[in-house]
């Protein structure tokens, strides 16, 4: 969830908005727990409707996918 929080902080700073205007803490928790894998699953997350899914969906799905990807051994 730390990657989601950091992304939200950066996005809010770029848009000059409070972080909760991007997603509330409750929405970040729901994303971290629900782990949607596509746009259809994403819009089922409470606090994330079609407008926010359209605006932020690709970024959020990429962050979630990176967090669940297995580590590559060196």
C-alpha atoms as a PDB file:
ATOM      1  CA  UNK A   1       0.000   0.000   0.000  1.00  0.00           C
ATOM      2  CA  UNK A   2       2.975   2.305   0.406  1.00  0.00           C
ATOM      3  CA  UNK A   3       3.364   2.547  -3.378  1.00  0.00           C
ATOM      4  CA  UNK A   4      -0.268   3.587  -3.705  1.00  0.00           C
ATOM      5  CA  UNK A   5       0.179   6.246  -1.022  1.00  0.00           C
ATOM      6  CA  UNK A   6       3.325   7.580  -2.669  1.00  0.00           C
ATOM      7  CA  UNK A   7       1.648   7.645  -6.084  1.00  0.00           C
ATOM      8  CA  UNK A   8      -1.353   9.503  -4.586  1.00  0.00           C
ATOM      9  CA  UNK A   9       0.955  12.026  -2.928  1.00  0.00           C
ATOM     10  CA  UNK A  10       2.785  12.702  -6.189  1.00  0.00           C
ATOM     11  CA  UNK A  11      -0.426  12.910  -8.211  1.00  0.00           C
ATOM     12  CA  UNK A  12      -1.946  15.330  -5.699  1.00  0.00           C
ATOM     13  CA  UNK A  13       1.162  17.511  -5.741  1.00  0.00           C
ATOM     14  CA  UNK A  14       1.177  17.644  -9.550  1.00  0.00           C
ATOM     15  CA  UNK A  15      -2.484  18.645  -9.612  1.00  0.00           C
ATOM     16  CA  UNK A  16      -2.144  20.973  -6.608  1.00  0.00           C
ATOM     17  CA  UNK A  17      -4.918  19.127  -4.787  1.00  0.00           C
ATOM     18  CA  UNK A  18      -5.205  17.578  -1.344  1.00  0.00           C
ATOM     19  CA  UNK A  19      -4.390  13.859  -1.483  1.00  0.00           C
ATOM     20  CA  UNK A  20      -7.916  12.865  -0.463  1.00  0.00           C
ATOM     21  CA  UNK A  21      -9.222  14.448  -3.686  1.00  0.00           C
ATOM     22  CA  UNK A  22      -7.331  11.791  -5.643  1.00  0.00           C
ATOM     23  CA  UNK A  23      -8.405   8.880  -3.409  1.00  0.00           C
ATOM     24  CA  UNK A  24      -9.370   8.741   0.243  1.00  0.00           C
ATOM     25  CA  UNK A  25      -7.477   6.502   2.654  1.00  0.00           C
ATOM     26  CA  UNK A  26     -10.491   4.183   2.650  1.00  0.00           C
ATOM     27  CA  UNK A  27     -10.279   3.836  -1.134  1.00  0.00           C
ATOM     28  CA  UNK A  28      -6.551   3.072  -0.959  1.00  0.00           C
ATOM     29  CA  UNK A  29      -7.252   0.382   1.632  1.00  0.00           C
ATOM     30  CA  UNK A  30     -10.028  -1.070  -0.537  1.00  0.00           C
ATOM     31  CA  UNK A  31      -7.650  -1.131  -3.528  1.00  0.00           C
ATOM     32  CA  UNK A  32      -4.909  -2.823  -1.523  1.00  0.00           C
ATOM     33  CA  UNK A  33      -7.307  -5.412  -0.126  1.00  0.00           C
ATOM     34  CA  UNK A  34      -9.345  -5.987  -3.289  1.00  0.00           C
ATOM     35  CA  UNK A  35      -6.393  -6.065  -5.688  1.00  0.00           C
ATOM     36  CA  UNK A  36      -8.417  -5.414  -8.861  1.00  0.00           C
ATOM     37  CA  UNK A  37      -6.731  -6.766 -11.965  1.00  0.00           C
ATOM     38  CA  UNK A  38      -8.671  -4.952 -14.671  1.00  0.00           C
ATOM     39  CA  UNK A  39     -10.917  -1.951 -15.297  1.00  0.00           C
ATOM     40  CA  UNK A  40     -14.131  -3.894 -14.643  1.00  0.00           C
ATOM     41  CA  UNK A  41     -12.895  -4.942 -11.190  1.00  0.00           C
ATOM     42  CA  UNK A  42     -11.531  -1.470 -10.527  1.00  0.00           C
ATOM     43  CA  UNK A  43     -14.889   0.309 -10.772  1.00  0.00           C
ATOM     44  CA  UNK A  44     -16.313  -2.091  -8.184  1.00  0.00           C
ATOM     45  CA  UNK A  45     -14.017  -0.596  -5.542  1.00  0.00           C
ATOM     46  CA  UNK A  46     -15.921   1.719  -3.214  1.00  0.00           C
ATOM     47  CA  UNK A  47     -14.958   5.344  -3.810  1.00  0.00           C
ATOM     48  CA  UNK A  48     -13.720   4.730  -7.329  1.00  0.00           C
ATOM     49  CA  UNK A  49     -16.313   5.429  -9.987  1.00  0.00           C
ATOM     50  CA  UNK A  50     -16.025   5.535 -13.767  1.00  0.00           C
ATOM     51  CA  UNK A  51     -14.487   9.036 -13.865  1.00  0.00           C
ATOM     52  CA  UNK A  52     -11.639   8.228 -11.486  1.00  0.00           C
ATOM     53  CA  UNK A  53     -11.195   4.789 -13.033  1.00  0.00           C
ATOM     54  CA  UNK A  54     -10.799   6.439 -16.424  1.00  0.00           C
ATOM     55  CA  UNK A  55      -8.410   9.082 -15.119  1.00  0.00           C
ATOM     56  CA  UNK A  56      -6.243   6.979 -12.783  1.00  0.00           C
ATOM     57  CA  UNK A  57      -7.084   3.366 -13.594  1.00  0.00           C
ATOM     58  CA  UNK A  58      -4.084   2.443 -15.723  1.00  0.00           C
ATOM     59  CA  UNK A  59      -1.662   3.865 -13.178  1.00  0.00           C
ATOM     60  CA  UNK A  60      -3.359   2.156 -10.238  1.00  0.00           C
ATOM     61  CA  UNK A  61      -3.557  -1.206 -12.004  1.00  0.00           C
ATOM     62  CA  UNK A  62       0.139  -0.962 -12.898  1.00  0.00           C
ATOM     63  CA  UNK A  63       1.062  -0.238  -9.273  1.00  0.00           C
ATOM     64  CA  UNK A  64      -1.033  -3.149  -8.018  1.00  0.00           C
ATOM     65  CA  UNK A  65       0.422  -5.481 -10.635  1.00  0.00           C
ATOM     66  CA  UNK A  66       3.973  -4.455  -9.673  1.00  0.00           C
ATOM     67  CA  UNK A  67       3.231  -5.090  -5.988  1.00  0.00           C
ATOM     68  CA  UNK A  68       1.949  -8.599  -6.683  1.00  0.00           C
ATOM     69  CA  UNK A  69       4.591  -9.577  -9.237  1.00  0.00           C
ATOM     70  CA  UNK A  70       7.000 -12.239  -7.998  1.00  0.00           C
ATOM     71  CA  UNK A  71      10.501 -11.061  -7.244  1.00  0.00           C
ATOM     72  CA  UNK A  72      13.053 -11.845  -9.909  1.00  0.00           C
ATOM     73  CA  UNK A  73      16.048 -13.675  -8.438  1.00  0.00           C
ATOM     74  CA  UNK A  74      19.421 -12.095  -9.147  1.00  0.00           C
END
